[in-house]
Amino acid sequence: MPAIKVHLFTITCGPVEGQLSRVFILHADDWYRYPLDTAPSGSLVCMTSPLPDPEKRRLAYRLIILFGIVAMFGDIVYEGGRSVSGPFLFTLGASAFMVAFVAGLGEFLGYAIRIATGYLADRSRQYWAFMIAGYLMIGAIPLLVLAGSWEIAALLLIAERIGKAVRSPAKDAMLSHVTSAVGRGWGFGLHEALDQIGAIAGPLLFVLALAAGGSYRGGFALLAVPFAILILVLIIAWRSMPDPAGFEGMAGQVTVRPGGEPGRKQLWLYGMFTALTMAGFIVFPLLAFHFKAFSIIPDADIPAFYAIAMAVDAIVALLTGKAYDRYGITILVIMPLLGMLIPLIAFSHSYTAALAGSVLWGASMGMQEAILRAAVADFTPPGGRGFAYGIFNTIYGGAWFAGSIVIGALYTVNVLYAAGFMVLLQCAAVPVLLEVVREQRRERTGAVA
């Protein structure tokens, strides 16, 4: 195919048979979704992509890495706390149902409130203010050292999740702008991989504290140090790039989607898929509760297993993020398959099965953090992306909360009931995702017709 360089774009055009009837312009990120051989006779299909801009890419990678470092220290704090939240609540007298309820409620509020914070971030354009305020609320985790009852501990854990609701839509919106310069799947995957360095280090603090004969409270006290560092790094990131939204304008992207309704239908189907697969996805505190309640693994190994899950999360985020940029949303079919395997393996009483279940749990989390978030940006325009992330995350968190309540209740009756519920929902999610893929193909066919 001939390539013609025009200003900021490289335009690649396919052969035309017969009389020209339509010109269809695609951004490079969408090219794999609209292969040239699907174009009917009489159509001209063109691909546009920005010419390489080393400076723009360098700035993009700089900000992605800074965001990743901030998230890394944040994860040292809150993932370290979450890795032992189930056993810690258990030692304070909480039941299995209350452990699942607190974890699920925290996740629900951490996502449901995002619909408001995302909307306010878009309206005010004060993305950095929301991000900084949300990260300050991570300070609730070190305060767990003062918790004298499971109720107080639960409130602090929930407060930290609310902080994530405050910062996440603004952060994801800014990140979606920046990653447009390097590939959204890869950009979100790289951010997630850096994020998981902290997710590994945090639980390891508790491994060292417990192995040395310390207590959960001693581990929480140690988390005050990375909390102070994350605030410092966050200020540096803010001073480095006060307006990340400019990246998407710099990219010079040209994207033509044929009509608003097909894309909207895909987005709602995508939300339905997310709701089903998350409602059937277990929270790690309940897994950790299962490991401790049946004495499957030593206490010191529980945060170690969580750290292993976070390492798998990082690797899978990079691999599947790159795969998403190449193959599209079809790659998400792996998520419900993992969701089916987790309860079947992790709910056994074997040490090896517990480890394997934790690894699968981490792999699923990696896909959620990289691809689920990246796809939302590809479905929505730049101007309302904070609100779009808020809506999406409300669906995500609401489904996870509702599912956690049901799973926790079923677990108290019989572990097999809980496992069966999770497998059933994951099976239901697969045809919904396939319908999203079919809708994309119909859109493609209509676009080039």
Protein backbone atom coordinates (compact mmCIF):
# COMPACT_ATOMS: atom_id res chain seq x y z
CA MET A 1 0.00 0.00 0.00
CA PRO A 2 1.27 3.51 -0.76
CA ALA A 3 2.04 5.70 2.25
CA ILE A 4 1.66 9.48 1.97
CA LYS A 5 2.96 11.79 4.69
CA VAL A 6 0.67 14.77 5.22
CA HIS A 7 1.54 17.19 8.03
CA LEU A 8 1.09 15.25 11.31
CA PHE A 9 -0.40 12.12 9.79
CA THR A 10 0.66 9.06 7.85
CA ILE A 11 -2.23 8.05 5.59
CA THR A 12 -2.33 4.49 4.30
CA CYS A 13 -5.00 3.65 1.77
CA GLY A 14 -6.23 0.37 0.39
CA PRO A 15 -6.93 -0.40 -3.23
CA VAL A 16 -10.18 0.83 -4.69
CA GLU A 17 -12.27 -1.25 -7.07
CA GLY A 18 -14.87 0.41 -9.23
CA GLN A 19 -16.38 3.77 -8.42
CA LEU A 20 -15.45 5.52 -5.18
CA SER A 21 -18.46 5.63 -2.86
CA ARG A 22 -17.13 6.46 0.60
CA VAL A 23 -14.02 7.46 2.48
CA PHE A 24 -13.62 5.89 5.95
CA ILE A 25 -10.92 7.29 8.24
CA LEU A 26 -9.62 5.29 11.18
CA HIS A 27 -7.22 6.08 13.95
CA ALA A 28 -4.28 3.70 14.13
CA ASP A 29 -5.43 2.23 17.44
CA ASP A 30 -8.64 1.05 15.74
CA TRP A 31 -6.99 -0.38 12.62
CA TYR A 32 -6.95 -3.94 13.90
CA ARG A 33 -10.70 -3.74 14.47
CA TYR A 34 -11.39 -2.75 10.85
CA PRO A 35 -9.18 -4.93 8.62
CA LEU A 36 -8.90 -3.69 5.06
CA ASP A 37 -10.07 -6.95 3.51
CA THR A 38 -13.56 -6.34 4.92
CA ALA A 39 -14.03 -3.24 2.80
CA PRO A 40 -16.60 -3.80 0.03
CA SER A 41 -16.01 -2.98 -3.60
CA GLY A 42 -16.15 0.76 -4.24
CA SER A 43 -14.88 1.80 -0.80
CA LEU A 44 -11.77 3.72 0.11
CA VAL A 45 -10.49 2.89 3.58
CA CYS A 46 -7.76 5.03 5.11
CA MET A 47 -5.78 4.77 8.31
CA THR A 48 -4.44 7.87 10.06
CA SER A 49 -1.83 7.92 12.77
CA PRO A 50 0.36 10.68 14.18
CA LEU A 51 3.90 10.81 12.93
CA PRO A 52 6.41 9.77 15.59
CA ASP A 53 6.98 12.58 18.09
CA PRO A 54 9.84 11.59 20.41
CA GLU A 55 9.32 14.60 22.68
CA LYS A 56 5.62 13.93 23.11
CA ARG A 57 6.24 10.25 23.85
CA ARG A 58 9.01 11.14 26.28
CA LEU A 59 6.70 13.49 28.17
CA ALA A 60 3.96 10.86 28.14
CA TYR A 61 6.22 8.17 29.56
CA ARG A 62 7.51 10.63 32.17
CA LEU A 63 4.03 11.34 33.47
CA ILE A 64 2.93 7.68 33.31
CA ILE A 65 5.99 6.75 35.38
CA LEU A 66 5.38 9.56 37.87
CA PHE A 67 1.77 8.45 38.23
CA GLY A 68 3.04 4.92 38.67
CA ILE A 69 5.46 5.94 41.43
CA VAL A 70 2.70 7.77 43.27
CA ALA A 71 0.47 4.71 42.95
CA MET A 72 3.37 2.51 44.07
CA PHE A 73 3.74 4.27 47.41
CA GLY A 74 -0.02 4.42 47.77
CA ASP A 75 -0.18 0.68 47.26
CA ILE A 76 2.54 0.06 49.82
CA VAL A 77 0.16 1.64 52.31
CA TYR A 78 -3.31 0.44 51.37
CA GLU A 79 -2.47 -2.91 49.80
CA GLY A 80 -0.31 -3.67 52.80
CA GLY A 81 -3.30 -2.97 55.02
CA ARG A 82 -5.76 -4.86 52.82
CA SER A 83 -3.55 -7.95 52.71
CA VAL A 84 -4.23 -8.57 56.40
CA SER A 85 -7.57 -6.82 56.82
CA GLY A 86 -9.49 -10.12 56.87
CA PRO A 87 -7.36 -11.81 59.56
CA PHE A 88 -7.07 -8.50 61.50
CA LEU A 89 -10.84 -8.12 61.65
CA PHE A 90 -11.06 -11.78 62.64
CA THR A 91 -8.74 -11.21 65.60
CA LEU A 92 -10.95 -8.29 66.68
CA GLY A 93 -14.01 -10.54 66.70
CA ALA A 94 -15.58 -10.08 63.24
CA SER A 95 -17.42 -13.01 61.63
CA ALA A 96 -16.92 -14.33 58.10
CA PHE A 97 -20.05 -12.49 56.98
CA MET A 98 -18.86 -9.19 58.47
CA VAL A 99 -15.43 -9.58 56.87
CA ALA A 100 -17.08 -10.03 53.48
CA PHE A 101 -19.58 -7.23 54.22
CA VAL A 102 -16.90 -4.70 55.20
CA ALA A 103 -14.72 -5.59 52.21
CA GLY A 104 -17.67 -5.48 49.85
CA LEU A 105 -19.08 -2.25 51.28
CA GLY A 106 -15.68 -0.60 51.09
CA GLU A 107 -15.31 -1.63 47.46
CA PHE A 108 -18.87 -0.52 46.68
CA LEU A 109 -18.42 2.96 48.19
CA GLY A 110 -14.99 3.16 46.61
CA TYR A 111 -16.67 2.82 43.22
CA ALA A 112 -20.23 4.16 43.68
CA ILE A 113 -19.09 7.60 44.81
CA ARG A 114 -16.97 7.91 41.68
CA ILE A 115 -20.03 8.79 39.60
CA ALA A 116 -20.24 12.05 41.60
CA THR A 117 -16.50 12.72 41.88
CA GLY A 118 -16.01 12.00 38.18
CA TYR A 119 -18.81 14.39 37.24
CA LEU A 120 -17.46 17.11 39.54
CA ALA A 121 -13.92 16.62 38.22
CA ASP A 122 -15.16 17.06 34.63
CA ARG A 123 -17.24 20.12 35.51
CA SER A 124 -14.56 21.84 37.57
CA ARG A 125 -11.55 20.59 35.59
CA GLN A 126 -9.75 20.43 38.94
CA TYR A 127 -8.46 16.91 38.33
CA TRP A 128 -5.34 17.36 40.42
CA ALA A 129 -7.31 18.65 43.43
CA PHE A 130 -9.44 15.49 43.46
CA MET A 131 -6.39 13.29 43.05
CA ILE A 132 -4.44 14.92 45.90
CA ALA A 133 -7.44 14.89 48.27
CA GLY A 134 -8.05 11.21 47.57
CA TYR A 135 -4.47 10.23 48.25
CA LEU A 136 -4.49 12.10 51.56
CA MET A 137 -7.27 9.78 52.75
CA ILE A 138 -4.91 6.80 52.50
CA GLY A 139 -3.70 8.01 55.89
CA ALA A 140 -6.61 6.05 57.39
CA ILE A 141 -4.59 2.83 57.01
CA PRO A 142 -1.71 3.72 59.37
CA LEU A 143 -4.37 4.84 61.85
CA LEU A 144 -5.49 1.21 62.16
CA VAL A 145 -2.79 0.92 64.80
CA LEU A 146 -5.21 2.78 67.10
CA ALA A 147 -8.29 0.64 66.33
CA GLY A 148 -9.57 -1.05 69.49
CA SER A 149 -12.56 -2.82 67.94
CA TRP A 150 -13.50 -4.34 64.60
CA GLU A 151 -16.11 -1.59 64.11
CA ILE A 152 -13.47 1.18 64.29
CA ALA A 153 -11.15 -0.81 62.05
CA ALA A 154 -13.98 -1.29 59.55
CA LEU A 155 -14.67 2.47 59.45
CA LEU A 156 -11.00 3.23 58.75
CA LEU A 157 -10.83 0.61 56.01
CA ILE A 158 -13.98 2.03 54.41
CA ALA A 159 -12.61 5.61 54.70
CA GLU A 160 -9.55 4.59 52.69
CA ARG A 161 -11.80 3.14 49.98
CA ILE A 162 -13.78 6.42 49.84
CA GLY A 163 -10.48 8.21 49.29
CA LYS A 164 -9.90 6.03 46.27
CA ALA A 165 -13.33 7.06 44.97
CA VAL A 166 -12.33 10.71 45.26
CA ARG A 167 -9.08 10.36 43.31
CA SER A 168 -9.64 7.57 40.79
CA PRO A 169 -11.92 9.16 38.12
CA ALA A 170 -9.66 12.22 37.90
CA LYS A 171 -6.54 10.07 37.80
CA ASP A 172 -7.95 7.70 35.18
CA ALA A 173 -9.13 10.61 33.03
CA MET A 174 -5.68 12.22 33.11
CA LEU A 175 -4.02 8.88 32.47
CA SER A 176 -6.30 8.19 29.49
CA HIS A 177 -5.18 11.46 27.89
CA VAL A 178 -1.50 10.72 28.42
CA THR A 179 -1.65 7.09 27.24
CA SER A 180 -3.16 8.18 23.90
CA ALA A 181 0.44 8.98 22.92
CA VAL A 182 1.83 5.49 23.63
CA GLY A 183 -1.17 3.11 23.28
CA ARG A 184 -3.84 2.93 25.95
CA GLY A 185 -3.54 -0.76 26.75
CA TRP A 186 0.22 -0.51 27.09
CA GLY A 187 0.07 2.78 29.01
CA PHE A 188 -2.48 1.54 31.53
CA GLY A 189 -0.59 -1.75 31.78
CA LEU A 190 2.71 0.03 32.47
CA HIS A 191 1.07 2.17 35.14
CA GLU A 192 -0.44 -0.93 36.73
CA ALA A 193 2.91 -2.74 36.70
CA LEU A 194 4.58 0.14 38.57
CA ASP A 195 1.60 0.28 40.89
CA GLN A 196 2.06 -3.36 41.78
CA ILE A 197 5.62 -2.86 42.99
CA GLY A 198 4.01 -1.14 45.95
CA ALA A 199 1.29 -3.76 46.15
CA ILE A 200 4.03 -6.35 46.63
CA ALA A 201 6.15 -4.30 49.03
CA GLY A 202 3.22 -3.44 51.32
CA PRO A 203 2.25 -7.02 52.17
CA LEU A 204 5.92 -7.94 52.53
CA LEU A 205 6.17 -5.43 55.37
CA PHE A 206 3.68 -7.57 57.24
CA VAL A 207 5.51 -10.75 56.30
CA LEU A 208 8.65 -9.33 57.93
CA ALA A 209 6.74 -7.95 60.91
CA LEU A 210 4.90 -11.19 61.63
CA ALA A 211 7.91 -13.42 60.91
CA ALA A 212 9.95 -11.35 63.38
CA GLY A 213 7.35 -11.97 66.05
CA GLY A 214 5.63 -8.62 65.63
CA SER A 215 1.92 -7.86 65.38
CA TYR A 216 -0.56 -6.45 62.89
CA ARG A 217 -0.43 -3.11 64.73
CA GLY A 218 3.33 -2.90 64.30
CA GLY A 219 2.91 -3.39 60.56
CA PHE A 220 0.28 -0.62 60.38
CA ALA A 221 2.65 1.75 62.20
CA LEU A 222 5.38 1.11 59.59
CA LEU A 223 3.01 2.25 56.83
CA ALA A 224 3.20 5.87 58.03
CA VAL A 225 6.61 6.19 56.33
CA PRO A 226 5.56 5.35 52.74
CA PHE A 227 2.43 7.49 53.25
CA ALA A 228 4.60 10.56 53.87
CA ILE A 229 6.75 9.75 50.84
CA LEU A 230 3.75 9.34 48.51
CA ILE A 231 2.51 12.85 49.36
CA LEU A 232 5.91 14.28 48.44
CA VAL A 233 6.06 12.41 45.13
CA LEU A 234 2.48 13.42 44.32
CA ILE A 235 3.40 17.09 44.66
CA ILE A 236 6.38 16.55 42.34
CA ALA A 237 4.11 14.90 39.75
CA TRP A 238 1.63 17.79 39.95
CA ARG A 239 4.39 20.38 39.45
CA SER A 240 5.79 18.40 36.51
CA MET A 241 2.60 18.37 34.41
CA PRO A 242 -0.31 20.49 35.68
CA ASP A 243 -2.51 19.82 32.61
CA PRO A 244 -2.24 16.24 31.22
CA ALA A 245 -5.43 16.76 29.17
CA GLY A 246 -3.34 18.61 26.60
CA PHE A 247 -1.80 15.32 25.45
CA GLU A 248 -4.89 14.17 23.60
CA GLY A 249 -5.04 17.42 21.70
CA MET A 250 -1.33 17.08 20.91
CA ALA A 251 -1.90 13.64 19.45
CA GLY A 252 -3.77 14.98 16.45
CA GLN A 253 -6.06 11.97 16.43
CA VAL A 254 -8.81 11.64 13.88
CA THR A 255 -11.44 9.12 14.81
CA VAL A 256 -14.69 8.63 12.94
CA ARG A 257 -17.27 6.36 14.51
CA PRO A 258 -20.38 5.73 12.41
CA GLY A 259 -23.18 7.13 14.55
CA GLY A 260 -23.58 7.46 18.31
CA GLU A 261 -26.08 4.70 19.03
CA PRO A 262 -23.95 1.66 18.08
CA GLY A 263 -21.11 2.88 20.28
CA ARG A 264 -23.53 3.59 23.12
CA LYS A 265 -24.99 0.09 22.86
CA GLN A 266 -21.51 -1.39 23.00
CA LEU A 267 -20.75 0.65 26.12
CA TRP A 268 -23.87 -0.57 27.94
CA LEU A 269 -23.20 -4.16 26.92
CA TYR A 270 -19.67 -3.70 28.18
CA GLY A 271 -21.07 -2.44 31.48
CA MET A 272 -23.31 -5.52 31.69
CA PHE A 273 -20.34 -7.80 31.09
CA THR A 274 -18.38 -5.99 33.80
CA ALA A 275 -21.29 -6.31 36.26
CA LEU A 276 -21.63 -10.05 35.73
CA THR A 277 -17.95 -10.91 35.89
CA MET A 278 -17.36 -8.73 38.98
CA ALA A 279 -20.40 -10.03 40.85
CA GLY A 280 -18.85 -13.47 40.51
CA PHE A 281 -15.36 -12.37 41.60
CA ILE A 282 -14.31 -13.06 45.19
CA VAL A 283 -12.62 -10.43 47.37
CA PHE A 284 -9.18 -11.43 48.65
CA PRO A 285 -10.04 -10.86 52.36
CA LEU A 286 -12.57 -13.71 52.11
CA LEU A 287 -9.95 -15.94 50.49
CA ALA A 288 -7.56 -15.00 53.32
CA PHE A 289 -10.31 -15.72 55.86
CA HIS A 290 -10.78 -19.18 54.30
CA PHE A 291 -7.04 -19.86 54.51
CA LYS A 292 -6.90 -18.87 58.20
CA ALA A 293 -10.21 -20.37 59.33
CA PHE A 294 -9.20 -23.82 58.04
CA SER A 295 -5.51 -23.38 58.96
CA ILE A 296 -4.52 -24.07 55.35
CA ILE A 297 -1.44 -21.83 55.47
CA PRO A 298 0.48 -20.10 58.32
CA ASP A 299 -0.49 -16.52 59.20
CA ALA A 300 2.81 -15.15 57.90
CA ASP A 301 2.17 -16.71 54.49
CA ILE A 302 -1.16 -14.93 53.94
CA PRO A 303 0.39 -11.51 53.12
CA ALA A 304 3.08 -13.38 51.15
CA PHE A 305 0.39 -14.99 49.00
CA TYR A 306 -1.16 -11.57 48.47
CA ALA A 307 2.24 -10.20 47.41
CA ILE A 308 2.58 -13.05 44.91
CA ALA A 309 -0.89 -12.24 43.56
CA MET A 310 0.15 -8.61 43.11
CA ALA A 311 3.33 -9.65 41.25
CA VAL A 312 1.22 -11.74 38.89
CA ASP A 313 -1.12 -8.75 38.55
CA ALA A 314 1.77 -6.58 37.31
CA ILE A 315 3.02 -9.10 34.75
CA VAL A 316 -0.45 -9.88 33.41
CA ALA A 317 -1.29 -6.15 33.16
CA LEU A 318 1.71 -5.57 30.88
CA LEU A 319 1.07 -8.62 28.70
CA THR A 320 -2.67 -8.20 28.32
CA GLY A 321 -2.37 -4.41 27.91
CA LYS A 322 -0.13 -4.94 24.91
CA ALA A 323 -2.46 -7.65 23.62
CA TYR A 324 -5.43 -5.30 23.94
CA ASP A 325 -3.73 -2.68 21.75
CA ARG A 326 -3.21 -5.37 19.13
CA TYR A 327 -6.30 -7.59 19.31
CA GLY A 328 -8.94 -5.45 20.99
CA ILE A 329 -11.61 -6.25 23.51
CA THR A 330 -11.82 -9.94 22.58
CA ILE A 331 -8.86 -10.57 24.89
CA LEU A 332 -11.19 -9.97 27.86
CA VAL A 333 -12.75 -13.42 27.42
CA ILE A 334 -9.89 -14.66 29.61
CA MET A 335 -11.35 -12.84 32.65
CA PRO A 336 -14.48 -14.96 33.19
CA LEU A 337 -12.46 -18.09 32.50
CA LEU A 338 -10.13 -17.16 35.35
CA GLY A 339 -13.14 -16.30 37.49
CA MET A 340 -14.50 -19.81 37.04
CA LEU A 341 -11.24 -21.44 38.07
CA ILE A 342 -10.52 -19.37 41.20
CA PRO A 343 -13.22 -20.79 43.54
CA LEU A 344 -12.79 -24.32 42.19
CA ILE A 345 -9.11 -24.25 43.12
CA ALA A 346 -8.73 -21.81 46.04
CA PHE A 347 -11.58 -23.23 48.16
CA SER A 348 -9.81 -26.54 48.64
CA HIS A 349 -7.84 -27.31 51.81
CA SER A 350 -4.50 -27.73 50.05
CA TYR A 351 -1.55 -25.36 50.44
CA THR A 352 -0.67 -25.73 46.76
CA ALA A 353 -4.25 -25.08 45.65
CA ALA A 354 -4.39 -21.98 47.87
CA LEU A 355 -1.25 -20.67 46.17
CA ALA A 356 -2.62 -21.45 42.70
CA GLY A 357 -5.91 -19.74 43.54
CA SER A 358 -4.05 -16.64 44.69
CA VAL A 359 -2.06 -16.58 41.45
CA LEU A 360 -5.24 -16.79 39.36
CA TRP A 361 -6.82 -14.07 41.48
CA GLY A 362 -3.85 -11.81 40.76
CA ALA A 363 -4.03 -12.54 37.03
CA SER A 364 -7.68 -11.52 36.94
CA MET A 365 -6.91 -8.32 38.85
CA GLY A 366 -4.20 -7.46 36.33
CA MET A 367 -6.68 -7.65 33.48
CA GLN A 368 -9.23 -5.59 35.40
CA GLU A 369 -6.78 -2.79 36.19
CA ALA A 370 -5.26 -2.59 32.71
CA ILE A 371 -7.82 -3.55 30.08
CA LEU A 372 -11.16 -2.78 31.73
CA ARG A 373 -10.06 0.80 32.38
CA ALA A 374 -8.37 1.27 29.00
CA ALA A 375 -11.47 0.14 27.10
CA VAL A 376 -13.65 2.78 28.77
CA ALA A 377 -11.47 5.51 27.24
CA ASP A 378 -11.84 3.95 23.79
CA PHE A 379 -15.64 3.99 24.15
CA THR A 380 -15.94 7.63 25.28
CA PRO A 381 -14.97 11.15 24.11
CA PRO A 382 -12.21 13.04 25.98
CA GLY A 383 -14.40 15.82 27.39
CA GLY A 384 -16.61 13.64 29.58
CA ARG A 385 -14.22 10.90 30.46
CA GLY A 386 -14.10 11.54 34.20
CA PHE A 387 -17.89 11.12 34.37
CA ALA A 388 -17.70 8.05 32.13
CA TYR A 389 -15.16 6.47 34.47
CA GLY A 390 -17.42 7.36 37.38
CA ILE A 391 -20.40 5.56 35.80
CA PHE A 392 -18.31 2.57 34.82
CA ASN A 393 -16.77 2.25 38.26
CA THR A 394 -20.18 2.53 39.91
CA ILE A 395 -21.28 -0.50 37.91
CA TYR A 396 -17.99 -2.25 38.68
CA GLY A 397 -18.07 -1.58 42.42
CA GLY A 398 -21.81 -2.10 42.83
CA ALA A 399 -21.62 -5.50 41.20
CA TRP A 400 -18.57 -6.49 43.26
CA PHE A 401 -20.28 -5.38 46.47
CA ALA A 402 -23.53 -7.19 45.72
CA GLY A 403 -21.63 -10.28 44.68
CA SER A 404 -19.48 -10.16 47.83
CA ILE A 405 -22.57 -10.08 50.04
CA VAL A 406 -24.09 -13.09 48.30
CA ILE A 407 -20.79 -14.98 48.23
CA GLY A 408 -20.18 -14.27 51.93
CA ALA A 409 -23.69 -15.37 52.88
CA LEU A 410 -23.46 -18.55 50.80
CA TYR A 411 -20.00 -19.27 52.21
CA THR A 412 -21.39 -19.31 55.77
CA VAL A 413 -23.92 -21.96 54.66
CA ASN A 414 -21.72 -24.10 52.43
CA VAL A 415 -18.55 -23.27 50.53
CA LEU A 416 -19.83 -25.22 47.51
CA TYR A 417 -22.81 -22.89 47.20
CA ALA A 418 -20.49 -19.90 47.05
CA ALA A 419 -18.29 -21.57 44.42
CA GLY A 420 -21.31 -22.53 42.32
CA PHE A 421 -22.66 -18.96 42.40
CA MET A 422 -19.35 -17.55 41.17
CA VAL A 423 -19.02 -20.05 38.34
CA LEU A 424 -22.61 -19.41 37.22
CA LEU A 425 -22.10 -15.65 36.92
CA GLN A 426 -18.81 -16.01 35.06
CA CYS A 427 -20.51 -18.32 32.57
CA ALA A 428 -23.25 -15.71 32.06
CA ALA A 429 -20.66 -12.99 31.36
CA VAL A 430 -19.11 -14.76 28.35
CA PRO A 431 -22.03 -14.40 25.87
CA VAL A 432 -22.43 -10.72 26.81
CA LEU A 433 -18.80 -10.04 25.91
CA LEU A 434 -19.22 -11.93 22.65
CA GLU A 435 -22.20 -9.68 21.87
CA VAL A 436 -19.96 -6.62 22.35
CA VAL A 437 -17.55 -8.12 19.82
CA ARG A 438 -20.41 -8.79 17.39
CA GLU A 439 -21.64 -5.21 17.77
CA GLN A 440 -18.18 -3.95 16.89
CA ARG A 441 -18.20 -6.09 13.76
CA ARG A 442 -21.66 -4.79 12.79
CA GLU A 443 -20.42 -1.24 13.28
CA ARG A 444 -17.40 -2.00 11.13
CA THR A 445 -19.56 -3.50 8.38
CA GLY A 446 -21.93 -0.53 8.42
CA ALA A 447 -19.04 1.92 8.37
CA VAL A 448 -17.52 0.58 5.18
CA ALA A 449 -20.82 -0.27 3.43
